[in-house]
Structures are given as structure tokens and as C-alpha cells.
C-alpha atoms as a PDB file:
ATOM      1  CA  MET A   1       0.215  13.697   2.272  1.00  0.00           C
ATOM      2  CA  SER A   2       2.438  15.470   4.736  1.00  0.00           C
ATOM      3  CA  ASP A   3       3.175  18.813   3.299  1.00  0.00           C
ATOM      4  CA  PRO A   4       6.456  20.599   4.723  1.00  0.00           C
ATOM      5  CA  LYS A   5       5.036  24.112   4.331  1.00  0.00           C
ATOM      6  CA  ALA A   6       1.759  23.171   6.012  1.00  0.00           C
ATOM      7  CA  LEU A   7       3.846  21.482   8.926  1.00  0.00           C
ATOM      8  CA  ASN A   8       5.827  24.811   9.156  1.00  0.00           C
ATOM      9  CA  GLU A   9       2.664  26.902   9.343  1.00  0.00           C
ATOM     10  CA  TYR A  10       1.276  24.420  12.085  1.00  0.00           C
ATOM     11  CA  LYS A  11       4.504  24.731  14.049  1.00  0.00           C
ATOM     12  CA  GLU A  12       4.224  28.514  13.985  1.00  0.00           C
ATOM     13  CA  LYS A  13       0.624  28.374  15.280  1.00  0.00           C
ATOM     14  CA  ILE A  14       1.543  25.762  17.934  1.00  0.00           C
ATOM     15  CA  ALA A  15       4.268  28.274  19.290  1.00  0.00           C
ATOM     16  CA  THR A  16       1.533  30.688  19.954  1.00  0.00           C
ATOM     17  CA  LEU A  17      -0.795  28.483  21.886  1.00  0.00           C
ATOM     18  CA  PRO A  18      -0.894  28.237  25.748  1.00  0.00           C
ATOM     19  CA  ARG A  19       1.497  25.588  26.855  1.00  0.00           C
ATOM     20  CA  ARG A  20       2.451  23.604  30.097  1.00  0.00           C
ATOM     21  CA  GLU A  21       5.012  21.173  31.232  1.00  0.00           C
ATOM     22  CA  GLY A  22       3.801  17.741  30.211  1.00  0.00           C
ATOM     23  CA  TRP A  23       4.276  14.367  31.720  1.00  0.00           C
ATOM     24  CA  MET A  24       5.130  12.362  28.614  1.00  0.00           C
ATOM     25  CA  ALA A  25       6.319  15.229  26.450  1.00  0.00           C
ATOM     26  CA  ASP A  26       8.323  18.291  27.518  1.00  0.00           C
ATOM     27  CA  GLN A  27       5.466  20.584  26.579  1.00  0.00           C
ATOM     28  CA  VAL A  28       1.804  20.214  25.976  1.00  0.00           C
ATOM     29  CA  TYR A  29      -0.183  22.772  24.213  1.00  0.00           C
ATOM     30  CA  HIS A  30      -3.676  23.723  24.662  1.00  0.00           C
ATOM     31  CA  TYR A  31      -5.783  23.469  21.309  1.00  0.00           C
ATOM     32  CA  GLN A  32      -9.419  23.352  20.815  1.00  0.00           C
ATOM     33  CA  GLY A  33     -10.224  22.392  24.471  1.00  0.00           C
ATOM     34  CA  PHE A  34      -7.357  19.535  24.780  1.00  0.00           C
ATOM     35  CA  TRP A  35      -3.742  19.478  25.722  1.00  0.00           C
ATOM     36  CA  HIS A  36      -1.601  17.701  23.111  1.00  0.00           C
ATOM     37  CA  ASN A  37       2.113  17.309  22.601  1.00  0.00           C
ATOM     38  CA  SER A  38       3.420  19.367  19.642  1.00  0.00           C
ATOM     39  CA  SER A  39       4.101  16.298  17.120  1.00  0.00           C
ATOM     40  CA  PHE A  40       0.733  14.735  17.696  1.00  0.00           C
ATOM     41  CA  LEU A  41      -0.855  18.292  17.361  1.00  0.00           C
ATOM     42  CA  GLU A  42       0.689  18.772  13.900  1.00  0.00           C
ATOM     43  CA  GLY A  43      -1.041  15.594  12.831  1.00  0.00           C
ATOM     44  CA  VAL A  44      -4.441  16.801  14.359  1.00  0.00           C
ATOM     45  CA  MET A  45      -4.207  19.986  12.363  1.00  0.00           C
ATOM     46  CA  LEU A  46      -3.200  18.339   9.239  1.00  0.00           C
ATOM     47  CA  ALA A  47      -6.023  15.706   9.617  1.00  0.00           C
ATOM     48  CA  GLN A  48      -8.635  18.539  10.350  1.00  0.00           C
ATOM     49  CA  GLU A  49      -7.490  20.422   7.027  1.00  0.00           C
ATOM     50  CA  HIS A  50      -6.833  17.437   4.647  1.00  0.00           C
ATOM     51  CA  PHE A  51      -8.313  14.128   5.765  1.00  0.00           C
ATOM     52  CA  GLN A  52     -11.131  13.142   3.229  1.00  0.00           C
ATOM     53  CA  PRO A  53     -13.275  10.403   4.920  1.00  0.00           C
ATOM     54  CA  GLN A  54     -14.854   7.742   2.706  1.00  0.00           C
ATOM     55  CA  PRO A  55     -18.276   6.184   3.214  1.00  0.00           C
ATOM     56  CA  ASN A  56     -16.926   2.840   4.213  1.00  0.00           C
ATOM     57  CA  ASP A  57     -14.391   4.178   6.617  1.00  0.00           C
ATOM     58  CA  ILE A  58     -14.107   2.601  10.050  1.00  0.00           C
ATOM     59  CA  ILE A  59     -12.753   4.924  12.540  1.00  0.00           C
ATOM     60  CA  LEU A  60     -11.098   3.252  15.754  1.00  0.00           C
ATOM     61  CA  SER A  61     -10.629   5.580  18.823  1.00  0.00           C
ATOM     62  CA  SER A  62      -9.136   4.817  22.219  1.00  0.00           C
ATOM     63  CA  PHE A  63      -7.345   6.290  25.026  1.00  0.00           C
ATOM     64  CA  PRO A  64      -3.536   5.208  25.299  1.00  0.00           C
ATOM     65  CA  LYS A  65      -2.934   1.846  27.185  1.00  0.00           C
ATOM     66  CA  SER A  66      -6.626   0.782  26.994  1.00  0.00           C
ATOM     67  CA  GLY A  67      -6.286  -2.165  24.684  1.00  0.00           C
ATOM     68  CA  THR A  68      -5.429  -0.172  21.430  1.00  0.00           C
ATOM     69  CA  THR A  69      -3.389  -2.976  20.111  1.00  0.00           C
ATOM     70  CA  TRP A  70      -6.341  -5.474  20.275  1.00  0.00           C
ATOM     71  CA  LEU A  71      -8.701  -2.743  19.194  1.00  0.00           C
ATOM     72  CA  LYS A  72      -6.699  -2.453  15.940  1.00  0.00           C
ATOM     73  CA  ALA A  73      -6.034  -6.053  15.423  1.00  0.00           C
ATOM     74  CA  LEU A  74      -9.606  -7.443  15.823  1.00  0.00           C
ATOM     75  CA  PRO A  75     -11.330  -5.373  13.147  1.00  0.00           C
ATOM     76  CA  PHE A  76      -8.270  -5.582  10.964  1.00  0.00           C
ATOM     77  CA  ALA A  77      -8.616  -9.396  10.995  1.00  0.00           C
ATOM     78  CA  ILE A  78     -12.482  -9.232  10.462  1.00  0.00           C
ATOM     79  CA  VAL A  79     -12.315  -6.653   7.606  1.00  0.00           C
ATOM     80  CA  THR A  80      -9.561  -8.587   5.784  1.00  0.00           C
ATOM     81  CA  ARG A  81     -10.606 -12.175   6.576  1.00  0.00           C
ATOM     82  CA  SER A  82     -11.275 -12.989   2.865  1.00  0.00           C
ATOM     83  CA  SER A  83      -8.071 -11.353   1.637  1.00  0.00           C
ATOM     84  CA  PHE A  84      -5.586 -13.592   3.573  1.00  0.00           C
ATOM     85  CA  ASP A  85      -5.329 -17.142   4.506  1.00  0.00           C
ATOM     86  CA  ALA A  86      -3.977 -18.288   7.933  1.00  0.00           C
ATOM     87  CA  SER A  87      -0.332 -18.304   6.669  1.00  0.00           C
ATOM     88  CA  THR A  88      -0.386 -14.926   4.754  1.00  0.00           C
ATOM     89  CA  ASN A  89      -2.125 -12.688   7.275  1.00  0.00           C
ATOM     90  CA  PRO A  90      -0.033  -9.456   7.829  1.00  0.00           C
ATOM     91  CA  LEU A  91      -0.673  -9.691  11.783  1.00  0.00           C
ATOM     92  CA  LEU A  92       1.428 -12.708  11.701  1.00  0.00           C
ATOM     93  CA  THR A  93       4.607 -10.600  10.782  1.00  0.00           C
ATOM     94  CA  THR A  94       3.473  -7.152  11.526  1.00  0.00           C
ATOM     95  CA  THR A  95       1.989  -5.252  14.508  1.00  0.00           C
ATOM     96  CA  PRO A  96      -1.502  -3.982  14.341  1.00  0.00           C
ATOM     97  CA  HIS A  97      -0.138  -0.528  14.600  1.00  0.00           C
ATOM     98  CA  LYS A  98       1.414  -0.948  11.114  1.00  0.00           C
ATOM     99  CA  CYS A  99      -1.735  -2.581   9.642  1.00  0.00           C
ATOM    100  CA  VAL A 100      -4.100   0.147  10.708  1.00  0.00           C
ATOM    101  CA  LEU A 101      -2.709   3.634  10.264  1.00  0.00           C
ATOM    102  CA  SER A 102      -2.930   6.286  12.894  1.00  0.00           C
ATOM    103  CA  LEU A 103      -4.654   9.256  11.410  1.00  0.00           C
ATOM    104  CA  GLU A 104      -2.907  11.886  13.439  1.00  0.00           C
ATOM    105  CA  SER A 105       0.773  10.433  13.469  1.00  0.00           C
ATOM    106  CA  ASP A 106       0.874   8.759  10.158  1.00  0.00           C
ATOM    107  CA  LEU A 107      -0.736  11.681   8.235  1.00  0.00           C
ATOM    108  CA  ALA A 108       1.712  14.139   9.684  1.00  0.00           C
ATOM    109  CA  HIS A 109       4.798  12.329   9.641  1.00  0.00           C
ATOM    110  CA  ASN A 110       4.581   9.798   6.890  1.00  0.00           C
ATOM    111  CA  SER A 111       3.280   9.501   3.516  1.00  0.00           C
ATOM    112  CA  PHE A 112      -0.256   8.579   4.391  1.00  0.00           C
ATOM    113  CA  HIS A 113      -1.249   6.049   1.411  1.00  0.00           C
ATOM    114  CA  ARG A 114      -4.670   4.586   2.213  1.00  0.00           C
ATOM    115  CA  ASN A 115      -5.443   1.150   1.042  1.00  0.00           C
ATOM    116  CA  LEU A 116      -9.019   1.867   0.074  1.00  0.00           C
ATOM    117  CA  ASP A 117      -9.747  -1.986   0.179  1.00  0.00           C
ATOM    118  CA  THR A 118      -9.233  -1.841   3.954  1.00  0.00           C
ATOM    119  CA  PRO A 119     -11.373   0.926   5.311  1.00  0.00           C
ATOM    120  CA  LEU A 120      -9.712   0.966   8.798  1.00  0.00           C
ATOM    121  CA  ILE A 121      -8.192   4.150  10.091  1.00  0.00           C
ATOM    122  CA  GLY A 122      -6.912   4.317  13.848  1.00  0.00           C
ATOM    123  CA  LYS A 123      -7.133   7.213  15.884  1.00  0.00           C
ATOM    124  CA  TYR A 124      -4.808   6.801  19.018  1.00  0.00           C
ATOM    125  CA  GLY A 125      -6.879   8.676  21.512  1.00  0.00           C
ATOM    126  CA  CYS A 126      -7.205  12.182  22.079  1.00  0.00           C
ATOM    127  CA  GLY A 127      -5.326  14.834  24.184  1.00  0.00           C
ATOM    128  CA  ASN A 128      -6.307  15.460  27.803  1.00  0.00           C
ATOM    129  CA  ARG A 129      -9.614  17.418  28.036  1.00  0.00           C
ATOM    130  CA  THR A 130      -9.583  20.635  29.614  1.00  0.00           C
ATOM    131  CA  ARG A 131     -12.031  21.169  32.497  1.00  0.00           C
END
């Protein structure tokens, strides 16, 4: 779903946004009341424009470093419990971050191929809220 033309348009738009020095990224950009790094912000813009939620979607949201791995693993295990036995569960060989896609980063930087049988979509927190 990542569209090179759209990503270029987003990069041009990001270049016009107010920016400051970031603590995790070189620059953070102010967009819709939040501060984001540019690569995350591209995904936010792409998701706002192209993401089509389904009625059975489960959206997970957390702040960084607040248990996101567990937050993704537990619902994935519950939702897919009838699809795998104890020896074939993907969580045995794959991290929860690969099992539950991140809406912003996977949508912008990868082909976002949803498995509609697994209605989990992760949202890895938001930017820093402007006061």
C-alpha cells in the first residue's frame, strides 16, 4: 500500500511543518497537535488517507516502553488460539511486533498486507502532545 508518489508528497508537506530538535530523532515535526519524527509522520499521513478499517478490527494503542510487546502478544494469542496448536503458534518463532502490524510504520514503509482472519492492528503510541 505504500505509494512512492504519496510518500514524496508527504515529505514535501513535512518539510513545511514547524520542527524542533528531537531526543530520539534528529528532528521532530508538529502535526495536528503532536510532535512526530518524519518517518513515523509519513505513516500517520498515509494511514489517515488510505486505511480502511473493518468492522471486526481490534486496534491496539500504547506509549513506547509501556508493555507494547505484551499488549500485542496477548490479544494475538487469544484471537488466533483456534488457528494454531502449541507447537505451531507464530509467537514461538516470531516477535509479536511481526505478528501484529504497526499501522503507521508498516503501512508507510512496507507492503501492508492484512490478514483479514486476524483482525489485530497495532498502533505504537502517538507523538508527544503539544500543551
